[in-house]
Amino acid sequence: MNVGYARVSTSSQNLENQIDQLNSAGCKKIFSEKKSGKNESNREQFKIMMDFIREGDVLYITKLDRLARSVIDLHNIAKFLEKKDVNLKVLHQNIDFSVIYIVYK
């Protein structure tokens, strides 16, 4: 299943653009929230999404900074997704982590 995750940092920002892009990418389920990415424990929809995704799913995000706040954070999330056999695709940067997983292994 194509799963999307959208996040903006403040309540005054709009999620609509990200959600439209995720819908255009074919996401059947989209998790979204208006939370700062500084503290992962505050990102309730992120936690629900990480529990929801299953083997064979593809997680779509619009930009890397919507998912992770640092390289270490991204590394940890990518390793978690790899263990669950979930592919990650980043729309704006045209990144497909399935290629990275193959090279990395």
PDB file of N, CA and C in Angstrom:
ATOM      1  N   MET A   1       0.843  -1.173   0.000  1.00  0.00           N
ATOM      2  CA  MET A   1       0.000   0.000   0.000  1.00  0.00           C
ATOM      3  C   MET A   1       0.893   1.243   0.000  1.00  0.00           C
ATOM      4  N   ASN A   2       0.481   2.246  -0.739  1.00  0.00           N
ATOM      5  CA  ASN A   2       1.161   3.535  -0.713  1.00  0.00           C
ATOM      6  C   ASN A   2       0.616   4.347   0.452  1.00  0.00           C
ATOM      7  N   VAL A   3       1.510   4.701   1.367  1.00  0.00           N
ATOM      8  CA  VAL A   3       1.153   5.436   2.577  1.00  0.00           C
ATOM      9  C   VAL A   3       1.872   6.777   2.538  1.00  0.00           C
ATOM     10  N   GLY A   4       1.187   7.846   2.931  1.00  0.00           N
ATOM     11  CA  GLY A   4       1.794   9.170   2.934  1.00  0.00           C
ATOM     12  C   GLY A   4       1.892   9.735   4.332  1.00  0.00           C
ATOM     13  N   TYR A   5       2.893  10.597   4.524  1.00  0.00           N
ATOM     14  CA  TYR A   5       3.045  11.316   5.794  1.00  0.00           C
ATOM     15  C   TYR A   5       3.316  12.779   5.469  1.00  0.00           C
ATOM     16  N   ALA A   6       2.473  13.654   6.011  1.00  0.00           N
ATOM     17  CA  ALA A   6       2.607  15.095   5.804  1.00  0.00           C
ATOM     18  C   ALA A   6       2.712  15.764   7.172  1.00  0.00           C
ATOM     19  N   ARG A   7       3.577  16.779   7.243  1.00  0.00           N
ATOM     20  CA  ARG A   7       3.734  17.497   8.512  1.00  0.00           C
ATOM     21  C   ARG A   7       4.118  18.937   8.235  1.00  0.00           C
ATOM     22  N   VAL A   8       3.516  19.829   8.987  1.00  0.00           N
ATOM     23  CA  VAL A   8       3.950  21.218   9.042  1.00  0.00           C
ATOM     24  C   VAL A   8       4.276  21.515  10.498  1.00  0.00           C
ATOM     25  N   SER A   9       5.110  22.532  10.706  1.00  0.00           N
ATOM     26  CA  SER A   9       5.626  22.785  12.044  1.00  0.00           C
ATOM     27  C   SER A   9       4.709  23.603  12.944  1.00  0.00           C
ATOM     28  N   THR A  10       3.867  24.436  12.358  1.00  0.00           N
ATOM     29  CA  THR A  10       3.018  25.299  13.178  1.00  0.00           C
ATOM     30  C   THR A  10       1.568  25.227  12.710  1.00  0.00           C
ATOM     31  N   SER A  11       0.684  25.581  13.599  1.00  0.00           N
ATOM     32  CA  SER A  11      -0.750  25.531  13.273  1.00  0.00           C
ATOM     33  C   SER A  11      -1.140  26.550  12.212  1.00  0.00           C
ATOM     34  N   SER A  12      -0.317  27.580  12.003  1.00  0.00           N
ATOM     35  CA  SER A  12      -0.639  28.585  10.983  1.00  0.00           C
ATOM     36  C   SER A  12      -0.257  28.122   9.574  1.00  0.00           C
ATOM     37  N   GLN A  13       0.530  27.055   9.454  1.00  0.00           N
ATOM     38  CA  GLN A  13       0.916  26.524   8.152  1.00  0.00           C
ATOM     39  C   GLN A  13      -0.159  25.573   7.630  1.00  0.00           C
ATOM     40  N   ASN A  14      -0.158  25.360   6.317  1.00  0.00           N
ATOM     41  CA  ASN A  14      -1.200  24.580   5.662  1.00  0.00           C
ATOM     42  C   ASN A  14      -0.653  23.245   5.163  1.00  0.00           C
ATOM     43  N   LEU A  15      -1.366  22.175   5.454  1.00  0.00           N
ATOM     44  CA  LEU A  15      -0.995  20.823   5.016  1.00  0.00           C
ATOM     45  C   LEU A  15      -1.503  20.490   3.621  1.00  0.00           C
ATOM     46  N   GLU A  16      -2.401  21.297   3.095  1.00  0.00           N
ATOM     47  CA  GLU A  16      -3.117  20.979   1.857  1.00  0.00           C
ATOM     48  C   GLU A  16      -2.195  20.645   0.684  1.00  0.00           C
ATOM     49  N   ASN A  17      -1.142  21.419   0.475  1.00  0.00           N
ATOM     50  CA  ASN A  17      -0.228  21.190  -0.647  1.00  0.00           C
ATOM     51  C   ASN A  17       0.451  19.820  -0.547  1.00  0.00           C
ATOM     52  N   GLN A  18       0.933  19.485   0.636  1.00  0.00           N
ATOM     53  CA  GLN A  18       1.577  18.185   0.826  1.00  0.00           C
ATOM     54  C   GLN A  18       0.582  17.047   0.597  1.00  0.00           C
ATOM     55  N   ILE A  19      -0.622  17.193   1.131  1.00  0.00           N
ATOM     56  CA  ILE A  19      -1.632  16.147   0.986  1.00  0.00           C
ATOM     57  C   ILE A  19      -2.015  15.970  -0.483  1.00  0.00           C
ATOM     58  N   ASP A  20      -2.133  17.076  -1.212  1.00  0.00           N
ATOM     59  CA  ASP A  20      -2.428  16.982  -2.649  1.00  0.00           C
ATOM     60  C   ASP A  20      -1.333  16.210  -3.379  1.00  0.00           C
ATOM     61  N   GLN A  21      -0.077  16.487  -3.058  1.00  0.00           N
ATOM     62  CA  GLN A  21       1.037  15.789  -3.704  1.00  0.00           C
ATOM     63  C   GLN A  21       1.045  14.301  -3.361  1.00  0.00           C
ATOM     64  N   LEU A  22       0.741  13.979  -2.117  1.00  0.00           N
ATOM     65  CA  LEU A  22       0.703  12.575  -1.701  1.00  0.00           C
ATOM     66  C   LEU A  22      -0.446  11.835  -2.375  1.00  0.00           C
ATOM     67  N   ASN A  23      -1.579  12.499  -2.493  1.00  0.00           N
ATOM     68  CA  ASN A  23      -2.702  11.905  -3.229  1.00  0.00           C
ATOM     69  C   ASN A  23      -2.329  11.667  -4.685  1.00  0.00           C
ATOM     70  N   SER A  24      -1.651  12.631  -5.305  1.00  0.00           N
ATOM     71  CA  SER A  24      -1.221  12.490  -6.703  1.00  0.00           C
ATOM     72  C   SER A  24      -0.230  11.350  -6.882  1.00  0.00           C
ATOM     73  N   ALA A  25       0.534  11.045  -5.831  1.00  0.00           N
ATOM     74  CA  ALA A  25       1.500   9.942  -5.888  1.00  0.00           C
ATOM     75  C   ALA A  25       0.820   8.590  -5.685  1.00  0.00           C
ATOM     76  N   GLY A  26      -0.478   8.607  -5.416  1.00  0.00           N
ATOM     77  CA  GLY A  26      -1.212   7.350  -5.279  1.00  0.00           C
ATOM     78  C   GLY A  26      -1.339   6.839  -3.855  1.00  0.00           C
ATOM     79  N   CYS A  27      -1.135   7.695  -2.875  1.00  0.00           N
ATOM     80  CA  CYS A  27      -1.256   7.256  -1.477  1.00  0.00           C
ATOM     81  C   CYS A  27      -2.702   6.942  -1.137  1.00  0.00           C
ATOM     82  N   LYS A  28      -2.919   5.770  -0.590  1.00  0.00           N
ATOM     83  CA  LYS A  28      -4.250   5.316  -0.192  1.00  0.00           C
ATOM     84  C   LYS A  28      -4.570   5.709   1.248  1.00  0.00           C
ATOM     85  N   LYS A  29      -3.544   5.903   2.056  1.00  0.00           N
ATOM     86  CA  LYS A  29      -3.699   6.291   3.460  1.00  0.00           C
ATOM     87  C   LYS A  29      -2.680   7.392   3.722  1.00  0.00           C
ATOM     88  N   ILE A  30      -3.136   8.510   4.306  1.00  0.00           N
ATOM     89  CA  ILE A  30      -2.247   9.632   4.595  1.00  0.00           C
ATOM     90  C   ILE A  30      -2.382  10.015   6.061  1.00  0.00           C
ATOM     91  N   PHE A  31      -1.243  10.107   6.716  1.00  0.00           N
ATOM     92  CA  PHE A  31      -1.169  10.576   8.091  1.00  0.00           C
ATOM     93  C   PHE A  31      -0.648  12.003   8.043  1.00  0.00           C
ATOM     94  N   SER A  32      -1.264  12.902   8.784  1.00  0.00           N
ATOM     95  CA  SER A  32      -0.816  14.296   8.754  1.00  0.00           C
ATOM     96  C   SER A  32      -0.932  14.916  10.137  1.00  0.00           C
ATOM     97  N   GLU A  33      -0.072  15.907  10.370  1.00  0.00           N
ATOM     98  CA  GLU A  33      -0.117  16.603  11.650  1.00  0.00           C
ATOM     99  C   GLU A  33       0.561  17.955  11.576  1.00  0.00           C
ATOM    100  N   LYS A  34       0.163  18.808  12.504  1.00  0.00           N
ATOM    101  CA  LYS A  34       0.752  20.131  12.651  1.00  0.00           C
ATOM    102  C   LYS A  34       1.523  20.124  13.964  1.00  0.00           C
ATOM    103  N   LYS A  35       2.763  19.664  13.879  1.00  0.00           N
ATOM    104  CA  LYS A  35       3.634  19.537  15.054  1.00  0.00           C
ATOM    105  C   LYS A  35       5.059  19.845  14.661  1.00  0.00           C
ATOM    106  N   SER A  36       5.795  20.418  15.568  1.00  0.00           N
ATOM    107  CA  SER A  36       7.224  20.621  15.351  1.00  0.00           C
ATOM    108  C   SER A  36       7.900  19.261  15.263  1.00  0.00           C
ATOM    109  N   GLY A  37       8.914  19.168  14.420  1.00  0.00           N
ATOM    110  CA  GLY A  37       9.646  17.916  14.285  1.00  0.00           C
ATOM    111  C   GLY A  37      10.764  17.767  15.289  1.00  0.00           C
ATOM    112  N   LYS A  38      10.951  18.774  16.158  1.00  0.00           N
ATOM    113  CA  LYS A  38      12.064  18.734  17.111  1.00  0.00           C
ATOM    114  C   LYS A  38      11.972  17.573  18.087  1.00  0.00           C
ATOM    115  N   ASN A  39      10.762  17.261  18.518  1.00  0.00           N
ATOM    116  CA  ASN A  39      10.585  16.212  19.512  1.00  0.00           C
ATOM    117  C   ASN A  39       9.680  15.128  18.945  1.00  0.00           C
ATOM    118  N   GLU A  40      10.272  14.015  18.586  1.00  0.00           N
ATOM    119  CA  GLU A  40       9.522  12.922  17.958  1.00  0.00           C
ATOM    120  C   GLU A  40       8.393  12.413  18.849  1.00  0.00           C
ATOM    121  N   SER A  41       8.562  12.490  20.158  1.00  0.00           N
ATOM    122  CA  SER A  41       7.537  11.975  21.066  1.00  0.00           C
ATOM    123  C   SER A  41       6.239  12.784  20.988  1.00  0.00           C
ATOM    124  N   ASN A  42       6.296  14.027  20.499  1.00  0.00           N
ATOM    125  CA  ASN A  42       5.101  14.853  20.336  1.00  0.00           C
ATOM    126  C   ASN A  42       4.370  14.568  19.031  1.00  0.00           C
ATOM    127  N   ARG A  43       4.970  13.810  18.149  1.00  0.00           N
ATOM    128  CA  ARG A  43       4.402  13.554  16.820  1.00  0.00           C
ATOM    129  C   ARG A  43       3.541  12.293  16.855  1.00  0.00           C
ATOM    130  N   GLU A  44       2.315  12.460  17.327  1.00  0.00           N
ATOM    131  CA  GLU A  44       1.403  11.338  17.523  1.00  0.00           C
ATOM    132  C   GLU A  44       1.090  10.610  16.222  1.00  0.00           C
ATOM    133  N   GLN A  45       0.799  11.353  15.149  1.00  0.00           N
ATOM    134  CA  GLN A  45       0.473  10.722  13.867  1.00  0.00           C
ATOM    135  C   GLN A  45       1.686  10.006  13.272  1.00  0.00           C
ATOM    136  N   PHE A  46       2.884  10.534  13.519  1.00  0.00           N
ATOM    137  CA  PHE A  46       4.109   9.862  13.081  1.00  0.00           C
ATOM    138  C   PHE A  46       4.208   8.484  13.735  1.00  0.00           C
ATOM    139  N   LYS A  47       3.972   8.423  15.036  1.00  0.00           N
ATOM    140  CA  LYS A  47       4.043   7.145  15.750  1.00  0.00           C
ATOM    141  C   LYS A  47       2.980   6.174  15.251  1.00  0.00           C
ATOM    142  N   ILE A  48       1.759   6.672  15.033  1.00  0.00           N
ATOM    143  CA  ILE A  48       0.686   5.818  14.528  1.00  0.00           C
ATOM    144  C   ILE A  48       1.034   5.297  13.137  1.00  0.00           C
ATOM    145  N   MET A  49       1.578   6.184  12.295  1.00  0.00           N
ATOM    146  CA  MET A  49       1.973   5.790  10.933  1.00  0.00           C
ATOM    147  C   MET A  49       3.072   4.728  10.970  1.00  0.00           C
ATOM    148  N   MET A  50       4.067   4.894  11.833  1.00  0.00           N
ATOM    149  CA  MET A  50       5.163   3.928  11.917  1.00  0.00           C
ATOM    150  C   MET A  50       4.665   2.563  12.386  1.00  0.00           C
ATOM    151  N   ASP A  51       3.640   2.544  13.226  1.00  0.00           N
ATOM    152  CA  ASP A  51       3.028   1.273  13.641  1.00  0.00           C
ATOM    153  C   ASP A  51       2.167   0.682  12.530  1.00  0.00           C
ATOM    154  N   PHE A  52       1.551   1.536  11.727  1.00  0.00           N
ATOM    155  CA  PHE A  52       0.614   1.117  10.691  1.00  0.00           C
ATOM    156  C   PHE A  52       1.293   0.455   9.497  1.00  0.00           C
ATOM    157  N   ILE A  53       2.436   0.997   9.073  1.00  0.00           N
ATOM    158  CA  ILE A  53       3.070   0.509   7.847  1.00  0.00           C
ATOM    159  C   ILE A  53       3.485  -0.956   7.996  1.00  0.00           C
ATOM    160  N   ARG A  54       3.353  -1.662   6.876  1.00  0.00           N
ATOM    161  CA  ARG A  54       3.608  -3.102   6.854  1.00  0.00           C
ATOM    162  C   ARG A  54       4.581  -3.468   5.738  1.00  0.00           C
ATOM    163  N   GLU A  55       5.086  -4.665   5.811  1.00  0.00           N
ATOM    164  CA  GLU A  55       5.987  -5.191   4.796  1.00  0.00           C
ATOM    165  C   GLU A  55       5.383  -4.993   3.409  1.00  0.00           C
ATOM    166  N   GLY A  56       6.198  -4.458   2.504  1.00  0.00           N
ATOM    167  CA  GLY A  56       5.764  -4.232   1.133  1.00  0.00           C
ATOM    168  C   GLY A  56       5.149  -2.862   0.886  1.00  0.00           C
ATOM    169  N   ASP A  57       4.849  -2.117   1.950  1.00  0.00           N
ATOM    170  CA  ASP A  57       4.301  -0.772   1.786  1.00  0.00           C
ATOM    171  C   ASP A  57       5.370   0.170   1.258  1.00  0.00           C
ATOM    172  N   VAL A  58       4.916   1.284   0.696  1.00  0.00           N
ATOM    173  CA  VAL A  58       5.803   2.367   0.286  1.00  0.00           C
ATOM    174  C   VAL A  58       5.356   3.608   1.039  1.00  0.00           C
ATOM    175  N   LEU A  59       6.284   4.213   1.778  1.00  0.00           N
ATOM    176  CA  LEU A  59       6.006   5.437   2.517  1.00  0.00           C
ATOM    177  C   LEU A  59       6.450   6.625   1.676  1.00  0.00           C
ATOM    178  N   TYR A  60       5.521   7.518   1.383  1.00  0.00           N
ATOM    179  CA  TYR A  60       5.806   8.716   0.610  1.00  0.00           C
ATOM    180  C   TYR A  60       5.811   9.932   1.522  1.00  0.00           C
ATOM    181  N   ILE A  61       6.804  10.798   1.302  1.00  0.00           N
ATOM    182  CA  ILE A  61       6.851  12.108   1.943  1.00  0.00           C
ATOM    183  C   ILE A  61       7.189  13.121   0.861  1.00  0.00           C
ATOM    184  N   THR A  62       6.886  14.383   1.105  1.00  0.00           N
ATOM    185  CA  THR A  62       7.191  15.385   0.087  1.00  0.00           C
ATOM    186  C   THR A  62       8.642  15.828   0.157  1.00  0.00           C
ATOM    187  N   LYS A  63       9.186  15.981   1.368  1.00  0.00           N
ATOM    188  CA  LYS A  63      10.578  16.388   1.564  1.00  0.00           C
ATOM    189  C   LYS A  63      11.142  15.658   2.773  1.00  0.00           C
ATOM    190  N   LEU A  64      12.443  15.463   2.781  1.00  0.00           N
ATOM    191  CA  LEU A  64      13.085  14.765   3.903  1.00  0.00           C
ATOM    192  C   LEU A  64      12.843  15.457   5.236  1.00  0.00           C
ATOM    193  N   ASP A  65      12.823  16.790   5.239  1.00  0.00           N
ATOM    194  CA  ASP A  65      12.673  17.501   6.513  1.00  0.00           C
ATOM    195  C   ASP A  65      11.272  17.371   7.101  1.00  0.00           C
ATOM    196  N   ARG A  66      10.326  16.824   6.362  1.00  0.00           N
ATOM    197  CA  ARG A  66       8.993  16.550   6.909  1.00  0.00           C
ATOM    198  C   ARG A  66       9.019  15.284   7.753  1.00  0.00           C
ATOM    199  N   LEU A  67      10.005  14.422   7.530  1.00  0.00           N
ATOM    200  CA  LEU A  67      10.113  13.148   8.238  1.00  0.00           C
ATOM    201  C   LEU A  67      11.164  13.192   9.339  1.00  0.00           C
ATOM    202  N   ALA A  68      12.326  13.756   9.041  1.00  0.00           N
ATOM    203  CA  ALA A  68      13.460  13.712   9.965  1.00  0.00           C
ATOM    204  C   ALA A  68      14.078  15.094  10.132  1.00  0.00           C
ATOM    205  N   ARG A  69      14.630  15.345  11.316  1.00  0.00           N
ATOM    206  CA  ARG A  69      15.229  16.645  11.602  1.00  0.00           C
ATOM    207  C   ARG A  69      16.758  16.633  11.532  1.00  0.00           C
ATOM    208  N   SER A  70      17.359  15.470  11.428  1.00  0.00           N
ATOM    209  CA  SER A  70      18.813  15.381  11.368  1.00  0.00           C
ATOM    210  C   SER A  70      19.188  14.129  10.576  1.00  0.00           C
ATOM    211  N   VAL A  71      20.450  14.039  10.207  1.00  0.00           N
ATOM    212  CA  VAL A  71      20.939  12.857   9.494  1.00  0.00           C
ATOM    213  C   VAL A  71      20.822  11.628  10.385  1.00  0.00           C
ATOM    214  N   ILE A  72      21.110  11.783  11.655  1.00  0.00           N
ATOM    215  CA  ILE A  72      21.011  10.650  12.584  1.00  0.00           C
ATOM    216  C   ILE A  72      19.556  10.198  12.707  1.00  0.00           C
ATOM    217  N   ASP A  73      18.645  11.153  12.806  1.00  0.00           N
ATOM    218  CA  ASP A  73      17.220  10.839  12.867  1.00  0.00           C
ATOM    219  C   ASP A  73      16.783  10.108  11.596  1.00  0.00           C
ATOM    220  N   LEU A  74      17.197  10.611  10.446  1.00  0.00           N
ATOM    221  CA  LEU A  74      16.864   9.969   9.174  1.00  0.00           C
ATOM    222  C   LEU A  74      17.439   8.556   9.110  1.00  0.00           C
ATOM    223  N   HIS A  75      18.661   8.397   9.541  1.00  0.00           N
ATOM    224  CA  HIS A  75      19.295   7.075   9.546  1.00  0.00           C
ATOM    225  C   HIS A  75      18.485   6.082  10.387  1.00  0.00           C
ATOM    226  N   ASN A  76      18.080   6.517  11.576  1.00  0.00           N
ATOM    227  CA  ASN A  76      17.312   5.634  12.460  1.00  0.00           C
ATOM    228  C   ASN A  76      15.952   5.272  11.855  1.00  0.00           C
ATOM    229  N   ILE A  77      15.291   6.239  11.263  1.00  0.00           N
ATOM    230  CA  ILE A  77      14.001   5.977  10.629  1.00  0.00           C
ATOM    231  C   ILE A  77      14.181   5.042   9.434  1.00  0.00           C
ATOM    232  N   ALA A  78      15.205   5.297   8.622  1.00  0.00           N
ATOM    233  CA  ALA A  78      15.467   4.460   7.445  1.00  0.00           C
ATOM    234  C   ALA A  78      15.774   3.021   7.864  1.00  0.00           C
ATOM    235  N   LYS A  79      16.528   2.833   8.917  1.00  0.00           N
ATOM    236  CA  LYS A  79      16.839   1.480   9.400  1.00  0.00           C
ATOM    237  C   LYS A  79      15.568   0.779   9.891  1.00  0.00           C
ATOM    238  N   PHE A  80      14.706   1.520  10.577  1.00  0.00           N
ATOM    239  CA  PHE A  80      13.440   0.959  11.037  1.00  0.00           C
ATOM    240  C   PHE A  80      12.579   0.522   9.853  1.00  0.00           C
ATOM    241  N   LEU A  81      12.504   1.385   8.849  1.00  0.00           N
ATOM    242  CA  LEU A  81      11.714   1.067   7.652  1.00  0.00           C
ATOM    243  C   LEU A  81      12.304  -0.130   6.916  1.00  0.00           C
ATOM    244  N   GLU A  82      13.618  -0.178   6.839  1.00  0.00           N
ATOM    245  CA  GLU A  82      14.277  -1.303   6.170  1.00  0.00           C
ATOM    246  C   GLU A  82      13.963  -2.624   6.881  1.00  0.00           C
ATOM    247  N   LYS A  83      13.991  -2.607   8.212  1.00  0.00           N
ATOM    248  CA  LYS A  83      13.680  -3.826   8.971  1.00  0.00           C
ATOM    249  C   LYS A  83      12.245  -4.276   8.750  1.00  0.00           C
ATOM    250  N   LYS A  84      11.343  -3.324   8.535  1.00  0.00           N
ATOM    251  CA  LYS A  84       9.939  -3.655   8.264  1.00  0.00           C
ATOM    252  C   LYS A  84       9.706  -3.954   6.790  1.00  0.00           C
ATOM    253  N   ASP A  85      10.751  -3.840   5.972  1.00  0.00           N
ATOM    254  CA  ASP A  85      10.664  -4.028   4.516  1.00  0.00           C
ATOM    255  C   ASP A  85       9.676  -3.048   3.887  1.00  0.00           C
ATOM    256  N   VAL A  86       9.810  -1.773   4.309  1.00  0.00           N
ATOM    257  CA  VAL A  86       8.999  -0.677   3.787  1.00  0.00           C
ATOM    258  C   VAL A  86       9.911   0.246   2.996  1.00  0.00           C
ATOM    259  N   ASN A  87       9.522   0.558   1.774  1.00  0.00           N
ATOM    260  CA  ASN A  87      10.301   1.465   0.936  1.00  0.00           C
ATOM    261  C   ASN A  87       9.913   2.906   1.264  1.00  0.00           C
ATOM    262  N   LEU A  88      10.869   3.822   1.118  1.00  0.00           N
ATOM    263  CA  LEU A  88      10.644   5.244   1.355  1.00  0.00           C
ATOM    264  C   LEU A  88      10.910   5.997   0.070  1.00  0.00           C
ATOM    265  N   LYS A  89       9.966   6.862  -0.321  1.00  0.00           N
ATOM    266  CA  LYS A  89      10.150   7.705  -1.496  1.00  0.00           C
ATOM    267  C   LYS A  89       9.909   9.159  -1.108  1.00  0.00           C
ATOM    268  N   VAL A  90      10.827  10.019  -1.563  1.00  0.00           N
ATOM    269  CA  VAL A  90      10.762  11.450  -1.273  1.00  0.00           C
ATOM    270  C   VAL A  90      10.466  12.168  -2.582  1.00  0.00           C
ATOM    271  N   LEU A  91       9.312  12.796  -2.659  1.00  0.00           N
ATOM    272  CA  LEU A  91       8.840  13.348  -3.920  1.00  0.00           C
ATOM    273  C   LEU A  91       9.683  14.514  -4.426  1.00  0.00           C
ATOM    274  N   HIS A  92       9.935  15.540  -3.625  1.00  0.00           N
ATOM    275  CA  HIS A  92      10.633  16.740  -4.106  1.00  0.00           C
ATOM    276  C   HIS A  92      12.078  16.470  -4.502  1.00  0.00           C
ATOM    277  N   GLN A  93      12.753  15.635  -3.744  1.00  0.00           N
ATOM    278  CA  GLN A  93      14.149  15.342  -4.049  1.00  0.00           C
ATOM    279  C   GLN A  93      14.297  14.133  -4.972  1.00  0.00           C
ATOM    280  N   ASN A  94      13.180  13.515  -5.356  1.00  0.00           N
ATOM    281  CA  ASN A  94      13.189  12.349  -6.233  1.00  0.00           C
ATOM    282  C   ASN A  94      14.133  11.258  -5.706  1.00  0.00           C
ATOM    283  N   ILE A  95      13.955  10.933  -4.433  1.00  0.00           N
ATOM    284  CA  ILE A  95      14.777   9.913  -3.780  1.00  0.00           C
ATOM    285  C   ILE A  95      13.937   8.663  -3.586  1.00  0.00           C
ATOM    286  N   ASP A  96      14.492   7.533  -3.979  1.00  0.00           N
ATOM    287  CA  ASP A  96      13.854   6.241  -3.798  1.00  0.00           C
ATOM    288  C   ASP A  96      14.806   5.389  -2.963  1.00  0.00           C
ATOM    289  N   PHE A  97      14.443   5.151  -1.713  1.00  0.00           N
ATOM    290  CA  PHE A  97      15.333   4.443  -0.805  1.00  0.00           C
ATOM    291  C   PHE A  97      15.496   2.971  -1.166  1.00  0.00           C
ATOM    292  N   SER A  98      14.637   2.422  -2.027  1.00  0.00           N
ATOM    293  CA  SER A  98      14.812   1.021  -2.408  1.00  0.00           C
ATOM    294  C   SER A  98      16.149   0.827  -3.107  1.00  0.00           C
ATOM    295  N   VAL A  99      16.582   1.805  -3.872  1.00  0.00           N
ATOM    296  CA  VAL A  99      17.882   1.741  -4.542  1.00  0.00           C
ATOM    297  C   VAL A  99      18.997   1.806  -3.503  1.00  0.00           C
ATOM    298  N   ILE A 100      18.831   2.667  -2.513  1.00  0.00           N
ATOM    299  CA  ILE A 100      19.843   2.807  -1.457  1.00  0.00           C
ATOM    300  C   ILE A 100      19.932   1.519  -0.660  1.00  0.00           C
ATOM    301  N   TYR A 101      18.800   0.888  -0.342  1.00  0.00           N
ATOM    302  CA  TYR A 101      18.817  -0.366   0.408  1.00  0.00           C
ATOM    303  C   TYR A 101      19.585  -1.447  -0.344  1.00  0.00           C
ATOM    304  N   ILE A 102      19.411  -1.529  -1.652  1.00  0.00           N
ATOM    305  CA  ILE A 102      20.088  -2.536  -2.459  1.00  0.00           C
ATOM    306  C   ILE A 102      21.591  -2.306  -2.444  1.00  0.00           C
ATOM    307  N   VAL A 103      22.016  -1.072  -2.632  1.00  0.00           N
ATOM    308  CA  VAL A 103      23.445  -0.739  -2.650  1.00  0.00           C
ATOM    309  C   VAL A 103      24.042  -0.939  -1.259  1.00  0.00           C
ATOM    310  N   TYR A 104      23.322  -0.550  -0.232  1.00  0.00           N
ATOM    311  CA  TYR A 104      23.813  -0.625   1.145  1.00  0.00           C
ATOM    312  C   TYR A 104      24.026  -2.059   1.592  1.00  0.00           C
ATOM    313  N   LYS A 105      23.147  -2.968   1.157  1.00  0.00           N
ATOM    314  CA  LYS A 105      23.239  -4.363   1.581  1.00  0.00           C
ATOM    315  C   LYS A 105      24.454  -4.982   0.927  1.00  0.00           C
TER     316      LYS A 105
END
